[in-house]
Amino acid sequence: MKNKKIYSRNENILDLLVHRHPFLFVDKILKFKKNQLLIAKKTIFSNEPFFKGHFPQRKIFPGVLILESIAQVANIFICKNKENPFVKSIYYLLSVKNARFKKFVLPGDEIIITVFFKKEIKNFFWFDGVVKVKNITVCTSTIICGKDRFS
């Protein structure tokens, strides 16, 4: 039953991610299955700062931020999958493959972000990400996240 617990942003998300507003693209964890998947959501509001430039006449949630939301959900998965999930570690987005944008995400939409864990090799983690609005797929992508390898 604990996998079905719903976590609010304040009780869990901020403990697991180093991201903060305005670059936090996860509102709530909906479901977590160890070694399998994590499902989260984000509500898109019309007053989000990026809408001032993307695009002022027709506000569209940027595709790159959809990919960022997948990466943030993957980071939460990695942290929750560890023995001590509240030891913050930063896992960077290292690769995006086969990203497909199928529909626009607009203000008022609630995106449901699902990451499916594929494999881990030496602190590199592969995920398939699917983002949906009203049960319609708006984006799919395969990503790789890993610990800081640039220092």
Protein backbone atom coordinates (compact mmCIF):
# COMPACT_ATOMS: atom_id res chain seq x y z
CA MET A 1 0.00 0.00 0.00
CA LYS A 2 2.84 2.45 0.63
CA ASN A 3 3.51 2.69 -3.12
CA LYS A 4 0.10 4.34 -3.54
CA LYS A 5 0.84 7.15 -1.07
CA ILE A 6 0.50 10.60 -2.56
CA TYR A 7 3.18 13.06 -1.53
CA SER A 8 2.68 16.79 -1.57
CA ARG A 9 5.44 19.06 -2.81
CA ASN A 10 6.31 20.23 0.70
CA GLU A 11 6.55 16.84 2.37
CA ASN A 12 8.69 15.13 -0.26
CA ILE A 13 9.66 16.80 -3.54
CA LEU A 14 11.81 19.53 -2.01
CA ASP A 15 13.56 16.91 0.12
CA LEU A 16 14.53 14.91 -2.96
CA LEU A 17 15.36 17.55 -5.58
CA VAL A 18 17.78 20.45 -5.46
CA HIS A 19 15.62 22.33 -7.99
CA ARG A 20 13.56 25.27 -6.79
CA HIS A 21 11.03 27.67 -8.29
CA PRO A 22 11.01 28.79 -11.08
CA PHE A 23 12.83 25.68 -12.31
CA LEU A 24 10.89 23.04 -10.42
CA PHE A 25 8.66 21.05 -12.79
CA VAL A 26 7.17 18.46 -10.43
CA ASP A 27 4.25 19.21 -8.13
CA LYS A 28 3.36 15.83 -6.70
CA ILE A 29 4.42 12.19 -6.72
CA LEU A 30 1.47 9.98 -7.61
CA LYS A 31 2.99 6.49 -7.66
CA PHE A 32 6.34 4.84 -7.05
CA LYS A 33 7.32 1.24 -7.67
CA LYS A 34 10.86 0.41 -6.59
CA ASN A 35 13.10 -0.60 -9.49
CA GLN A 36 10.25 -0.01 -11.96
CA LEU A 37 8.63 3.40 -12.30
CA LEU A 38 7.63 6.71 -10.83
CA ILE A 39 4.60 8.78 -11.82
CA ALA A 40 4.31 12.47 -10.96
CA LYS A 41 2.30 15.49 -12.04
CA LYS A 42 2.77 19.16 -12.77
CA THR A 43 0.03 21.71 -13.33
CA ILE A 44 0.87 24.32 -15.95
CA PHE A 45 -0.29 27.80 -14.92
CA SER A 46 -0.69 30.74 -17.32
CA ASN A 47 1.49 32.98 -15.14
CA GLU A 48 4.61 30.78 -15.42
CA PRO A 49 7.60 33.04 -16.20
CA PHE A 50 8.61 31.31 -19.47
CA PHE A 51 5.25 32.15 -21.07
CA LYS A 52 6.34 35.81 -21.39
CA GLY A 53 8.56 34.75 -24.28
CA HIS A 54 7.21 31.35 -25.40
CA PHE A 55 5.01 32.52 -27.07
CA PRO A 56 3.31 35.74 -25.94
CA GLN A 57 0.47 35.44 -28.50
CA ARG A 58 -0.07 31.68 -27.96
CA LYS A 59 1.33 30.32 -24.73
CA ILE A 60 2.87 26.89 -25.24
CA PHE A 61 4.78 24.98 -22.55
CA PRO A 62 8.30 24.60 -24.02
CA GLY A 63 9.24 21.11 -25.16
CA VAL A 64 12.64 21.40 -23.53
CA LEU A 65 10.87 21.95 -20.19
CA ILE A 66 8.77 18.85 -20.79
CA LEU A 67 12.07 16.98 -21.14
CA GLU A 68 13.33 18.69 -17.98
CA SER A 69 10.24 17.48 -16.12
CA ILE A 70 11.06 13.92 -17.24
CA ALA A 71 14.63 14.38 -15.97
CA GLN A 72 13.42 15.72 -12.61
CA VAL A 73 11.04 12.79 -12.16
CA ALA A 74 13.89 10.42 -13.06
CA ASN A 75 16.07 12.13 -10.43
CA ILE A 76 13.33 11.60 -7.83
CA PHE A 77 13.11 7.93 -8.87
CA ILE A 78 16.87 7.48 -8.41
CA CYS A 79 16.78 9.10 -4.97
CA LYS A 80 13.73 7.13 -3.80
CA ASN A 81 15.24 3.90 -5.09
CA LYS A 82 18.31 4.35 -2.84
CA GLU A 83 18.53 2.99 0.70
CA ASN A 84 18.52 6.51 2.15
CA PRO A 85 16.41 8.57 -0.26
CA PHE A 86 16.80 11.82 1.66
CA VAL A 87 20.55 12.09 1.08
CA LYS A 88 20.44 14.59 -1.77
CA SER A 89 22.47 13.66 -4.79
CA ILE A 90 22.48 15.50 -8.07
CA TYR A 91 21.96 13.38 -11.14
CA TYR A 92 22.42 15.37 -14.32
CA LEU A 93 20.62 14.92 -17.59
CA LEU A 94 23.33 13.49 -19.87
CA SER A 95 21.45 12.31 -22.93
CA VAL A 96 18.09 12.70 -24.64
CA LYS A 97 17.22 10.27 -27.40
CA ASN A 98 14.18 9.80 -29.60
CA ALA A 99 12.29 12.76 -28.14
CA ARG A 100 8.91 13.09 -29.81
CA PHE A 101 6.44 15.91 -29.19
CA LYS A 102 2.96 14.89 -30.26
CA LYS A 103 0.69 17.64 -28.88
CA PHE A 104 1.06 21.11 -27.38
CA VAL A 105 0.93 21.55 -23.61
CA LEU A 106 -1.05 24.68 -22.75
CA PRO A 107 -1.80 26.74 -19.64
CA GLY A 108 -4.31 24.92 -17.46
CA ASP A 109 -3.06 21.49 -18.52
CA GLU A 110 -1.93 18.98 -15.94
CA ILE A 111 0.93 16.87 -17.22
CA ILE A 112 1.36 13.36 -15.89
CA ILE A 113 5.02 12.35 -16.13
CA THR A 114 5.93 8.67 -16.00
CA VAL A 115 9.49 7.38 -16.01
CA PHE A 116 10.17 3.70 -16.56
CA PHE A 117 13.52 2.55 -15.20
CA LYS A 118 15.42 0.55 -17.82
CA LYS A 119 18.90 -0.09 -16.38
CA GLU A 120 21.80 1.24 -14.31
CA ILE A 121 25.47 0.92 -15.16
CA LYS A 122 28.08 2.55 -12.89
CA ASN A 123 25.85 5.44 -11.67
CA PHE A 124 24.36 6.01 -15.12
CA PHE A 125 20.59 5.47 -15.30
CA TRP A 126 18.46 4.86 -18.40
CA PHE A 127 14.76 5.76 -18.46
CA ASP A 128 11.90 5.85 -20.90
CA GLY A 129 9.71 8.86 -20.23
CA VAL A 130 6.09 9.40 -21.21
CA VAL A 131 4.19 12.63 -20.61
CA LYS A 132 0.41 12.74 -20.95
CA VAL A 133 -2.36 15.32 -20.72
CA LYS A 134 -5.87 13.94 -20.16
CA ASN A 135 -4.51 10.46 -20.93
CA ILE A 136 -3.22 11.58 -24.35
CA THR A 137 0.53 11.22 -24.93
CA VAL A 138 2.18 14.60 -25.58
CA CYS A 139 5.84 13.56 -25.36
CA THR A 140 8.01 10.45 -25.27
CA SER A 141 11.76 10.21 -24.83
CA THR A 142 14.60 8.04 -23.62
CA ILE A 143 16.99 9.78 -21.25
CA ILE A 144 20.20 9.00 -19.42
CA CYS A 145 21.01 10.59 -16.08
CA GLY A 146 24.25 10.31 -14.16
CA LYS A 147 26.27 11.70 -11.31
CA ASP A 148 28.56 14.67 -11.88
CA ARG A 149 31.28 13.55 -14.25
CA PHE A 150 32.48 17.01 -15.26
CA SER A 151 34.34 18.12 -12.11
